[in-house]
Amino acid sequence: MSYFKYHLFFCLNQRENGKDCCAQHGANDLFEYAKTRCKELGLSGEGQVRINKAGCLDRCAHGPAMVVYPEAIWYTAVDKSDIDEIISEHFIKGQAVDRLRIE
């Protein structure tokens, strides 16, 4: 069994050349919000959810981009309500949020 039930890697990449990147789409604020909400809901820690910063995940056009393991489900999020939906549906209920998936 894995140490965490779900492990979310959240791209926070900032490109110096001005090209599109997750940081330009509010990734840092959404990352902090996701970590805070999971802690507030008691979802953080061993056997539960871990949210980590990631460098470039090479999905810049979909930014902010993130991936949840062990299922390798890729998501994008536009605002905090999208993060809330990923937390409630995927992390709590175990159901992927199809409308936010990146294929």
PDB file of N, CA and C in Angstrom:
ATOM      1  N   MET A   1       0.837  -1.182   0.000  1.00  0.00           N
ATOM      2  CA  MET A   1       0.000   0.000   0.000  1.00  0.00           C
ATOM      3  C   MET A   1       0.885   1.250   0.000  1.00  0.00           C
ATOM      4  N   SER A   2       0.437   2.252  -0.702  1.00  0.00           N
ATOM      5  CA  SER A   2       1.128   3.526  -0.791  1.00  0.00           C
ATOM      6  C   SER A   2       1.035   4.281   0.537  1.00  0.00           C
ATOM      7  N   TYR A   3       1.999   5.137   0.811  1.00  0.00           N
ATOM      8  CA  TYR A   3       1.996   5.934   2.035  1.00  0.00           C
ATOM      9  C   TYR A   3       0.819   6.906   2.056  1.00  0.00           C
ATOM     10  N   PHE A   4       0.472   7.458   0.861  1.00  0.00           N
ATOM     11  CA  PHE A   4      -0.672   8.350   0.727  1.00  0.00           C
ATOM     12  C   PHE A   4      -1.726   7.696  -0.154  1.00  0.00           C
ATOM     13  N   LYS A   5      -2.990   7.921   0.158  1.00  0.00           N
ATOM     14  CA  LYS A   5      -4.069   7.420  -0.694  1.00  0.00           C
ATOM     15  C   LYS A   5      -4.061   8.159  -2.026  1.00  0.00           C
ATOM     16  N   TYR A   6      -3.897   9.492  -1.958  1.00  0.00           N
ATOM     17  CA  TYR A   6      -3.818  10.326  -3.149  1.00  0.00           C
ATOM     18  C   TYR A   6      -2.623  11.257  -3.023  1.00  0.00           C
ATOM     19  N   HIS A   7      -1.897  11.389  -4.116  1.00  0.00           N
ATOM     20  CA  HIS A   7      -0.748  12.279  -4.151  1.00  0.00           C
ATOM     21  C   HIS A   7      -0.928  13.211  -5.345  1.00  0.00           C
ATOM     22  N   LEU A   8      -1.155  14.500  -5.059  1.00  0.00           N
ATOM     23  CA  LEU A   8      -1.390  15.495  -6.096  1.00  0.00           C
ATOM     24  C   LEU A   8      -0.123  16.291  -6.336  1.00  0.00           C
ATOM     25  N   PHE A   9       0.318  16.303  -7.593  1.00  0.00           N
ATOM     26  CA  PHE A   9       1.455  17.122  -7.998  1.00  0.00           C
ATOM     27  C   PHE A   9       0.905  18.311  -8.774  1.00  0.00           C
ATOM     28  N   PHE A  10       1.188  19.508  -8.285  1.00  0.00           N
ATOM     29  CA  PHE A  10       0.607  20.742  -8.797  1.00  0.00           C
ATOM     30  C   PHE A  10       1.707  21.558  -9.474  1.00  0.00           C
ATOM     31  N   CYS A  11       1.598  21.761 -10.793  1.00  0.00           N
ATOM     32  CA  CYS A  11       2.612  22.510 -11.528  1.00  0.00           C
ATOM     33  C   CYS A  11       2.589  23.978 -11.122  1.00  0.00           C
ATOM     34  N   LEU A  12       3.747  24.477 -10.703  1.00  0.00           N
ATOM     35  CA  LEU A  12       3.909  25.885 -10.355  1.00  0.00           C
ATOM     36  C   LEU A  12       4.972  26.539 -11.238  1.00  0.00           C
ATOM     37  N   ASN A  13       5.235  25.940 -12.371  1.00  0.00           N
ATOM     38  CA  ASN A  13       6.310  26.413 -13.235  1.00  0.00           C
ATOM     39  C   ASN A  13       6.102  27.855 -13.705  1.00  0.00           C
ATOM     40  N   GLN A  14       7.188  28.620 -13.641  1.00  0.00           N
ATOM     41  CA  GLN A  14       7.210  30.000 -14.144  1.00  0.00           C
ATOM     42  C   GLN A  14       8.276  30.067 -15.224  1.00  0.00           C
ATOM     43  N   ARG A  15       7.857  30.346 -16.445  1.00  0.00           N
ATOM     44  CA  ARG A  15       8.817  30.455 -17.549  1.00  0.00           C
ATOM     45  C   ARG A  15       9.369  31.876 -17.608  1.00  0.00           C
ATOM     46  N   GLU A  16      10.673  31.970 -17.734  1.00  0.00           N
ATOM     47  CA  GLU A  16      11.346  33.265 -17.777  1.00  0.00           C
ATOM     48  C   GLU A  16      11.177  33.967 -19.118  1.00  0.00           C
ATOM     49  N   ASN A  17      10.924  33.216 -20.174  1.00  0.00           N
ATOM     50  CA  ASN A  17      10.857  33.787 -21.523  1.00  0.00           C
ATOM     51  C   ASN A  17       9.478  34.352 -21.882  1.00  0.00           C
ATOM     52  N   GLY A  18       8.556  34.350 -20.931  1.00  0.00           N
ATOM     53  CA  GLY A  18       7.231  34.891 -21.187  1.00  0.00           C
ATOM     54  C   GLY A  18       6.259  33.931 -21.834  1.00  0.00           C
ATOM     55  N   LYS A  19       6.712  32.729 -22.171  1.00  0.00           N
ATOM     56  CA  LYS A  19       5.811  31.732 -22.763  1.00  0.00           C
ATOM     57  C   LYS A  19       4.786  31.274 -21.734  1.00  0.00           C
ATOM     58  N   ASP A  20       3.673  30.757 -22.240  1.00  0.00           N
ATOM     59  CA  ASP A  20       2.583  30.296 -21.379  1.00  0.00           C
ATOM     60  C   ASP A  20       3.084  29.298 -20.343  1.00  0.00           C
ATOM     61  N   CYS A  21       2.611  29.467 -19.110  1.00  0.00           N
ATOM     62  CA  CYS A  21       2.984  28.552 -18.040  1.00  0.00           C
ATOM     63  C   CYS A  21       1.893  28.571 -16.969  1.00  0.00           C
ATOM     64  N   CYS A  22       1.901  27.573 -16.120  1.00  0.00           N
ATOM     65  CA  CYS A  22       0.872  27.448 -15.084  1.00  0.00           C
ATOM     66  C   CYS A  22       0.877  28.623 -14.116  1.00  0.00           C
ATOM     67  N   ALA A  23       2.048  29.137 -13.788  1.00  0.00           N
ATOM     68  CA  ALA A  23       2.131  30.261 -12.854  1.00  0.00           C
ATOM     69  C   ALA A  23       1.372  31.482 -13.375  1.00  0.00           C
ATOM     70  N   GLN A  24       1.326  31.669 -14.694  1.00  0.00           N
ATOM     71  CA  GLN A  24       0.600  32.797 -15.282  1.00  0.00           C
ATOM     72  C   GLN A  24      -0.916  32.654 -15.133  1.00  0.00           C
ATOM     73  N   HIS A  25      -1.370  31.462 -14.786  1.00  0.00           N
ATOM     74  CA  HIS A  25      -2.797  31.174 -14.670  1.00  0.00           C
ATOM     75  C   HIS A  25      -3.243  30.992 -13.218  1.00  0.00           C
ATOM     76  N   GLY A  26      -2.475  31.540 -12.275  1.00  0.00           N
ATOM     77  CA  GLY A  26      -2.873  31.513 -10.875  1.00  0.00           C
ATOM     78  C   GLY A  26      -2.583  30.220 -10.139  1.00  0.00           C
ATOM     79  N   ALA A  27      -1.645  29.438 -10.643  1.00  0.00           N
ATOM     80  CA  ALA A  27      -1.352  28.132 -10.041  1.00  0.00           C
ATOM     81  C   ALA A  27      -0.908  28.249  -8.582  1.00  0.00           C
ATOM     82  N   ASN A  28      -0.102  29.251  -8.258  1.00  0.00           N
ATOM     83  CA  ASN A  28       0.408  29.369  -6.885  1.00  0.00           C
ATOM     84  C   ASN A  28      -0.718  29.560  -5.877  1.00  0.00           C
ATOM     85  N   ASP A  29      -1.652  30.432  -6.182  1.00  0.00           N
ATOM     86  CA  ASP A  29      -2.781  30.664  -5.269  1.00  0.00           C
ATOM     87  C   ASP A  29      -3.656  29.424  -5.136  1.00  0.00           C
ATOM     88  N   LEU A  30      -3.901  28.731  -6.245  1.00  0.00           N
ATOM     89  CA  LEU A  30      -4.730  27.522  -6.191  1.00  0.00           C
ATOM     90  C   LEU A  30      -4.024  26.403  -5.430  1.00  0.00           C
ATOM     91  N   PHE A  31      -2.708  26.304  -5.577  1.00  0.00           N
ATOM     92  CA  PHE A  31      -1.936  25.317  -4.828  1.00  0.00           C
ATOM     93  C   PHE A  31      -2.067  25.561  -3.324  1.00  0.00           C
ATOM     94  N   GLU A  32      -1.858  26.810  -2.905  1.00  0.00           N
ATOM     95  CA  GLU A  32      -1.961  27.149  -1.484  1.00  0.00           C
ATOM     96  C   GLU A  32      -3.372  26.889  -0.963  1.00  0.00           C
ATOM     97  N   TYR A  33      -4.365  27.215  -1.757  1.00  0.00           N
ATOM     98  CA  TYR A  33      -5.749  26.969  -1.368  1.00  0.00           C
ATOM     99  C   TYR A  33      -6.001  25.474  -1.191  1.00  0.00           C
ATOM    100  N   ALA A  34      -5.538  24.657  -2.132  1.00  0.00           N
ATOM    101  CA  ALA A  34      -5.740  23.207  -2.051  1.00  0.00           C
ATOM    102  C   ALA A  34      -5.100  22.632  -0.790  1.00  0.00           C
ATOM    103  N   LYS A  35      -3.877  23.043  -0.492  1.00  0.00           N
ATOM    104  CA  LYS A  35      -3.199  22.556   0.721  1.00  0.00           C
ATOM    105  C   LYS A  35      -3.969  22.961   1.978  1.00  0.00           C
ATOM    106  N   THR A  36      -4.383  24.213   2.018  1.00  0.00           N
ATOM    107  CA  THR A  36      -5.112  24.722   3.183  1.00  0.00           C
ATOM    108  C   THR A  36      -6.435  23.990   3.366  1.00  0.00           C
ATOM    109  N   ARG A  37      -7.195  23.819   2.294  1.00  0.00           N
ATOM    110  CA  ARG A  37      -8.499  23.147   2.388  1.00  0.00           C
ATOM    111  C   ARG A  37      -8.350  21.695   2.833  1.00  0.00           C
ATOM    112  N   CYS A  38      -7.367  20.992   2.295  1.00  0.00           N
ATOM    113  CA  CYS A  38      -7.176  19.595   2.702  1.00  0.00           C
ATOM    114  C   CYS A  38      -6.826  19.505   4.185  1.00  0.00           C
ATOM    115  N   LYS A  39      -6.011  20.437   4.667  1.00  0.00           N
ATOM    116  CA  LYS A  39      -5.680  20.452   6.097  1.00  0.00           C
ATOM    117  C   LYS A  39      -6.916  20.775   6.931  1.00  0.00           C
ATOM    118  N   GLU A  40      -7.689  21.783   6.514  1.00  0.00           N
ATOM    119  CA  GLU A  40      -8.901  22.163   7.242  1.00  0.00           C
ATOM    120  C   GLU A  40      -9.903  21.013   7.319  1.00  0.00           C
ATOM    121  N   LEU A  41      -9.970  20.219   6.268  1.00  0.00           N
ATOM    122  CA  LEU A  41     -10.918  19.101   6.211  1.00  0.00           C
ATOM    123  C   LEU A  41     -10.372  17.826   6.841  1.00  0.00           C
ATOM    124  N   GLY A  42      -9.153  17.873   7.357  1.00  0.00           N
ATOM    125  CA  GLY A  42      -8.553  16.699   7.987  1.00  0.00           C
ATOM    126  C   GLY A  42      -8.150  15.624   6.999  1.00  0.00           C
ATOM    127  N   LEU A  43      -7.837  16.024   5.776  1.00  0.00           N
ATOM    128  CA  LEU A  43      -7.494  15.059   4.734  1.00  0.00           C
ATOM    129  C   LEU A  43      -5.997  14.871   4.533  1.00  0.00           C
ATOM    130  N   SER A  44      -5.186  15.652   5.212  1.00  0.00           N
ATOM    131  CA  SER A  44      -3.730  15.598   5.021  1.00  0.00           C
ATOM    132  C   SER A  44      -3.102  14.563   5.940  1.00  0.00           C
ATOM    133  N   GLY A  45      -2.011  13.976   5.452  1.00  0.00           N
ATOM    134  CA  GLY A  45      -1.240  13.068   6.296  1.00  0.00           C
ATOM    135  C   GLY A  45      -1.216  11.651   5.788  1.00  0.00           C
ATOM    136  N   GLU A  46      -0.539  10.821   6.546  1.00  0.00           N
ATOM    137  CA  GLU A  46      -0.346   9.420   6.183  1.00  0.00           C
ATOM    138  C   GLU A  46      -1.681   8.740   5.887  1.00  0.00           C
ATOM    139  N   GLY A  47      -1.716   8.024   4.756  1.00  0.00           N
ATOM    140  CA  GLY A  47      -2.913   7.287   4.363  1.00  0.00           C
ATOM    141  C   GLY A  47      -3.996   8.159   3.752  1.00  0.00           C
ATOM    142  N   GLN A  48      -3.714   9.442   3.596  1.00  0.00           N
ATOM    143  CA  GLN A  48      -4.729  10.361   3.080  1.00  0.00           C
ATOM    144  C   GLN A  48      -4.217  11.093   1.842  1.00  0.00           C
ATOM    145  N   VAL A  49      -4.188  12.420   1.886  1.00  0.00           N
ATOM    146  CA  VAL A  49      -3.837  13.231   0.717  1.00  0.00           C
ATOM    147  C   VAL A  49      -2.544  13.988   0.959  1.00  0.00           C
ATOM    148  N   ARG A  50      -1.692  13.997  -0.040  1.00  0.00           N
ATOM    149  CA  ARG A  50      -0.474  14.810  -0.028  1.00  0.00           C
ATOM    150  C   ARG A  50      -0.504  15.697  -1.270  1.00  0.00           C
ATOM    151  N   ILE A  51      -0.261  16.991  -1.085  1.00  0.00           N
ATOM    152  CA  ILE A  51      -0.229  17.931  -2.194  1.00  0.00           C
ATOM    153  C   ILE A  51       1.173  18.511  -2.269  1.00  0.00           C
ATOM    154  N   ASN A  52       1.812  18.309  -3.425  1.00  0.00           N
ATOM    155  CA  ASN A  52       3.188  18.758  -3.619  1.00  0.00           C
ATOM    156  C   ASN A  52       3.317  19.731  -4.771  1.00  0.00           C
ATOM    157  N   LYS A  53       4.289  20.632  -4.627  1.00  0.00           N
ATOM    158  CA  LYS A  53       4.680  21.505  -5.728  1.00  0.00           C
ATOM    159  C   LYS A  53       5.404  20.662  -6.767  1.00  0.00           C
ATOM    160  N   ALA A  54       5.203  21.021  -8.009  1.00  0.00           N
ATOM    161  CA  ALA A  54       5.940  20.362  -9.089  1.00  0.00           C
ATOM    162  C   ALA A  54       6.475  21.433 -10.023  1.00  0.00           C
ATOM    163  N   GLY A  55       7.563  21.112 -10.664  1.00  0.00           N
ATOM    164  CA  GLY A  55       8.048  21.957 -11.743  1.00  0.00           C
ATOM    165  C   GLY A  55       7.183  21.694 -12.963  1.00  0.00           C
ATOM    166  N   CYS A  56       7.688  21.995 -14.103  1.00  0.00           N
ATOM    167  CA  CYS A  56       6.907  21.862 -15.328  1.00  0.00           C
ATOM    168  C   CYS A  56       6.446  20.422 -15.539  1.00  0.00           C
ATOM    169  N   LEU A  57       5.147  20.264 -15.759  1.00  0.00           N
ATOM    170  CA  LEU A  57       4.568  18.959 -16.072  1.00  0.00           C
ATOM    171  C   LEU A  57       4.316  18.825 -17.575  1.00  0.00           C
ATOM    172  N   ASP A  58       4.752  19.827 -18.326  1.00  0.00           N
ATOM    173  CA  ASP A  58       4.674  19.835 -19.786  1.00  0.00           C
ATOM    174  C   ASP A  58       3.241  19.803 -20.306  1.00  0.00           C
ATOM    175  N   ARG A  59       2.331  20.418 -19.569  1.00  0.00           N
ATOM    176  CA  ARG A  59       0.933  20.539 -19.992  1.00  0.00           C
ATOM    177  C   ARG A  59       0.508  22.009 -19.925  1.00  0.00           C
ATOM    178  N   CYS A  60       1.409  22.902 -20.276  1.00  0.00           N
ATOM    179  CA  CYS A  60       1.243  24.347 -20.106  1.00  0.00           C
ATOM    180  C   CYS A  60      -0.033  24.900 -20.735  1.00  0.00           C
ATOM    181  N   ALA A  61      -0.418  24.378 -21.865  1.00  0.00           N
ATOM    182  CA  ALA A  61      -1.603  24.881 -22.561  1.00  0.00           C
ATOM    183  C   ALA A  61      -2.876  24.652 -21.756  1.00  0.00           C
ATOM    184  N   HIS A  62      -2.827  23.757 -20.790  1.00  0.00           N
ATOM    185  CA  HIS A  62      -3.996  23.430 -19.974  1.00  0.00           C
ATOM    186  C   HIS A  62      -3.937  24.061 -18.589  1.00  0.00           C
ATOM    187  N   GLY A  63      -2.927  24.835 -18.307  1.00  0.00           N
ATOM    188  CA  GLY A  63      -2.644  25.329 -16.972  1.00  0.00           C
ATOM    189  C   GLY A  63      -3.782  26.051 -16.287  1.00  0.00           C
ATOM    190  N   PRO A  64      -3.755  26.039 -14.972  1.00  0.00           N
ATOM    191  CA  PRO A  64      -2.852  25.276 -14.127  1.00  0.00           C
ATOM    192  C   PRO A  64      -3.103  23.761 -14.259  1.00  0.00           C
ATOM    193  N   ALA A  65      -2.022  23.039 -14.371  1.00  0.00           N
ATOM    194  CA  ALA A  65      -2.112  21.593 -14.550  1.00  0.00           C
ATOM    195  C   ALA A  65      -1.664  20.875 -13.285  1.00  0.00           C
ATOM    196  N   MET A  66      -2.315  19.738 -13.027  1.00  0.00           N
ATOM    197  CA  MET A  66      -1.959  18.916 -11.876  1.00  0.00           C
ATOM    198  C   MET A  66      -2.267  17.455 -12.221  1.00  0.00           C
ATOM    199  N   VAL A  67      -1.624  16.565 -11.501  1.00  0.00           N
ATOM    200  CA  VAL A  67      -1.860  15.141 -11.707  1.00  0.00           C
ATOM    201  C   VAL A  67      -1.998  14.457 -10.352  1.00  0.00           C
ATOM    202  N   VAL A  68      -2.981  13.541 -10.263  1.00  0.00           N
ATOM    203  CA  VAL A  68      -3.244  12.803  -9.031  1.00  0.00           C
ATOM    204  C   VAL A  68      -2.814  11.351  -9.230  1.00  0.00           C
ATOM    205  N   TYR A  69      -1.957  10.887  -8.337  1.00  0.00           N
ATOM    206  CA  TYR A  69      -1.554   9.484  -8.317  1.00  0.00           C
ATOM    207  C   TYR A  69      -2.153   8.818  -7.095  1.00  0.00           C
ATOM    208  N   PRO A  70      -2.470   7.533  -7.158  1.00  0.00           N
ATOM    209  CA  PRO A  70      -1.900   6.560  -8.076  1.00  0.00           C
ATOM    210  C   PRO A  70      -2.639   6.412  -9.407  1.00  0.00           C
ATOM    211  N   GLU A  71      -3.757   7.073  -9.606  1.00  0.00           N
ATOM    212  CA  GLU A  71      -4.539   6.857 -10.835  1.00  0.00           C
ATOM    213  C   GLU A  71      -3.972   7.555 -12.060  1.00  0.00           C
ATOM    214  N   ALA A  72      -3.060   8.491 -11.882  1.00  0.00           N
ATOM    215  CA  ALA A  72      -2.496   9.291 -12.977  1.00  0.00           C
ATOM    216  C   ALA A  72      -3.604  10.049 -13.716  1.00  0.00           C
ATOM    217  N   ILE A  73      -4.469  10.686 -12.941  1.00  0.00           N
ATOM    218  CA  ILE A  73      -5.543  11.505 -13.511  1.00  0.00           C
ATOM    219  C   ILE A  73      -5.065  12.953 -13.541  1.00  0.00           C
ATOM    220  N   TRP A  74      -5.102  13.519 -14.733  1.00  0.00           N
ATOM    221  CA  TRP A  74      -4.665  14.890 -14.965  1.00  0.00           C
ATOM    222  C   TRP A  74      -5.853  15.831 -14.883  1.00  0.00           C
ATOM    223  N   TYR A  75      -5.643  16.954 -14.182  1.00  0.00           N
ATOM    224  CA  TYR A  75      -6.682  17.965 -14.030  1.00  0.00           C
ATOM    225  C   TYR A  75      -6.156  19.346 -14.387  1.00  0.00           C
ATOM    226  N   THR A  76      -7.102  20.225 -14.688  1.00  0.00           N
ATOM    227  CA  THR A  76      -6.870  21.654 -14.720  1.00  0.00           C
ATOM    228  C   THR A  76      -7.897  22.285 -13.798  1.00  0.00           C
ATOM    229  N   ALA A  77      -7.593  23.473 -13.324  1.00  0.00           N
ATOM    230  CA  ALA A  77      -8.534  24.185 -12.450  1.00  0.00           C
ATOM    231  C   ALA A  77      -8.467  25.666 -12.786  1.00  0.00           C
ATOM    232  N   VAL A  78      -9.607  26.301 -12.817  1.00  0.00           N
ATOM    233  CA  VAL A  78      -9.680  27.721 -13.135  1.00  0.00           C
ATOM    234  C   VAL A  78      -9.768  28.562 -11.861  1.00  0.00           C
ATOM    235  N   ASP A  79     -10.478  28.040 -10.860  1.00  0.00           N
ATOM    236  CA  ASP A  79     -10.680  28.817  -9.641  1.00  0.00           C
ATOM    237  C   ASP A  79     -10.825  27.890  -8.434  1.00  0.00           C
ATOM    238  N   LYS A  80     -11.059  28.485  -7.273  1.00  0.00           N
ATOM    239  CA  LYS A  80     -11.148  27.719  -6.032  1.00  0.00           C
ATOM    240  C   LYS A  80     -12.308  26.727  -6.027  1.00  0.00           C
ATOM    241  N   SER A  81     -13.385  27.050  -6.718  1.00  0.00           N
ATOM    242  CA  SER A  81     -14.516  26.111  -6.764  1.00  0.00           C
ATOM    243  C   SER A  81     -14.122  24.823  -7.483  1.00  0.00           C
ATOM    244  N   ASP A  82     -13.229  24.914  -8.464  1.00  0.00           N
ATOM    245  CA  ASP A  82     -12.733  23.702  -9.127  1.00  0.00           C
ATOM    246  C   ASP A  82     -11.903  22.863  -8.161  1.00  0.00           C
ATOM    247  N   ILE A  83     -11.077  23.519  -7.371  1.00  0.00           N
ATOM    248  CA  ILE A  83     -10.283  22.803  -6.361  1.00  0.00           C
ATOM    249  C   ILE A  83     -11.213  22.136  -5.350  1.00  0.00           C
ATOM    250  N   ASP A  84     -12.243  22.864  -4.905  1.00  0.00           N
ATOM    251  CA  ASP A  84     -13.216  22.289  -3.970  1.00  0.00           C
ATOM    252  C   ASP A  84     -13.870  21.039  -4.559  1.00  0.00           C
ATOM    253  N   GLU A  85     -14.172  21.088  -5.854  1.00  0.00           N
ATOM    254  CA  GLU A  85     -14.807  19.936  -6.500  1.00  0.00           C
ATOM    255  C   GLU A  85     -13.858  18.743  -6.582  1.00  0.00           C
ATOM    256  N   ILE A  86     -12.597  18.987  -6.885  1.00  0.00           N
ATOM    257  CA  ILE A  86     -11.611  17.897  -6.915  1.00  0.00           C
ATOM    258  C   ILE A  86     -11.475  17.279  -5.521  1.00  0.00           C
ATOM    259  N   ILE A  87     -11.425  18.119  -4.500  1.00  0.00           N
ATOM    260  CA  ILE A  87     -11.307  17.615  -3.128  1.00  0.00           C
ATOM    261  C   ILE A  87     -12.538  16.800  -2.741  1.00  0.00           C
ATOM    262  N   SER A  88     -13.730  17.353  -2.971  1.00  0.00           N
ATOM    263  CA  SER A  88     -14.945  16.663  -2.522  1.00  0.00           C
ATOM    264  C   SER A  88     -15.245  15.417  -3.336  1.00  0.00           C
ATOM    265  N   GLU A  89     -15.066  15.497  -4.634  1.00  0.00           N
ATOM    266  CA  GLU A  89     -15.424  14.354  -5.490  1.00  0.00           C
ATOM    267  C   GLU A  89     -14.315  13.303  -5.563  1.00  0.00           C
ATOM    268  N   HIS A  90     -13.088  13.730  -5.814  1.00  0.00           N
ATOM    269  CA  HIS A  90     -12.004  12.760  -6.002  1.00  0.00           C
ATOM    270  C   HIS A  90     -11.425  12.290  -4.667  1.00  0.00           C
ATOM    271  N   PHE A  91     -11.016  13.244  -3.819  1.00  0.00           N
ATOM    272  CA  PHE A  91     -10.337  12.856  -2.586  1.00  0.00           C
ATOM    273  C   PHE A  91     -11.282  12.290  -1.530  1.00  0.00           C
ATOM    274  N   ILE A  92     -12.498  12.787  -1.462  1.00  0.00           N
ATOM    275  CA  ILE A  92     -13.433  12.303  -0.441  1.00  0.00           C
ATOM    276  C   ILE A  92     -14.293  11.155  -0.965  1.00  0.00           C
ATOM    277  N   LYS A  93     -14.865  11.307  -2.154  1.00  0.00           N
ATOM    278  CA  LYS A  93     -15.775  10.291  -2.696  1.00  0.00           C
ATOM    279  C   LYS A  93     -15.106   9.273  -3.609  1.00  0.00           C
ATOM    280  N   GLY A  94     -13.860   9.543  -4.038  1.00  0.00           N
ATOM    281  CA  GLY A  94     -13.142   8.604  -4.889  1.00  0.00           C
ATOM    282  C   GLY A  94     -13.576   8.604  -6.344  1.00  0.00           C
ATOM    283  N   GLN A  95     -14.235   9.674  -6.781  1.00  0.00           N
ATOM    284  CA  GLN A  95     -14.733   9.765  -8.162  1.00  0.00           C
ATOM    285  C   GLN A  95     -13.986  10.875  -8.908  1.00  0.00           C
ATOM    286  N   ALA A  96     -13.433  10.553 -10.061  1.00  0.00           N
ATOM    287  CA  ALA A  96     -12.747  11.564 -10.868  1.00  0.00           C
ATOM    288  C   ALA A  96     -13.740  12.635 -11.310  1.00  0.00           C
ATOM    289  N   VAL A  97     -13.252  13.848 -11.472  1.00  0.00           N
ATOM    290  CA  VAL A  97     -14.074  14.968 -11.931  1.00  0.00           C
ATOM    291  C   VAL A  97     -13.847  15.108 -13.430  1.00  0.00           C
ATOM    292  N   ASP A  98     -14.703  14.478 -14.207  1.00  0.00           N
ATOM    293  CA  ASP A  98     -14.506  14.402 -15.652  1.00  0.00           C
ATOM    294  C   ASP A  98     -14.417  15.770 -16.327  1.00  0.00           C
ATOM    295  N   ARG A  99     -15.205  16.742 -15.893  1.00  0.00           N
ATOM    296  CA  ARG A  99     -15.206  18.035 -16.577  1.00  0.00           C
ATOM    297  C   ARG A  99     -13.895  18.795 -16.413  1.00  0.00           C
ATOM    298  N   LEU A 100     -13.077  18.430 -15.426  1.00  0.00           N
ATOM    299  CA  LEU A 100     -11.800  19.096 -15.205  1.00  0.00           C
ATOM    300  C   LEU A 100     -10.606  18.274 -15.691  1.00  0.00           C
ATOM    301  N   ARG A 101     -10.879  17.099 -16.232  1.00  0.00           N
ATOM    302  CA  ARG A 101      -9.789  16.222 -16.677  1.00  0.00           C
ATOM    303  C   ARG A 101      -9.104  16.731 -17.927  1.00  0.00           C
ATOM    304  N   ILE A 102      -7.812  16.517 -17.972  1.00  0.00           N
ATOM    305  CA  ILE A 102      -7.007  16.761 -19.161  1.00  0.00           C
ATOM    306  C   ILE A 102      -6.695  15.391 -19.751  1.00  0.00           C
ATOM    307  N   GLU A 103      -7.023  15.208 -20.979  1.00  0.00           N
ATOM    308  CA  GLU A 103      -6.732  13.911 -21.641  1.00  0.00           C
ATOM    309  C   GLU A 103      -5.423  13.975 -22.390  1.00  0.00           C
TER     310      GLU A 103
END
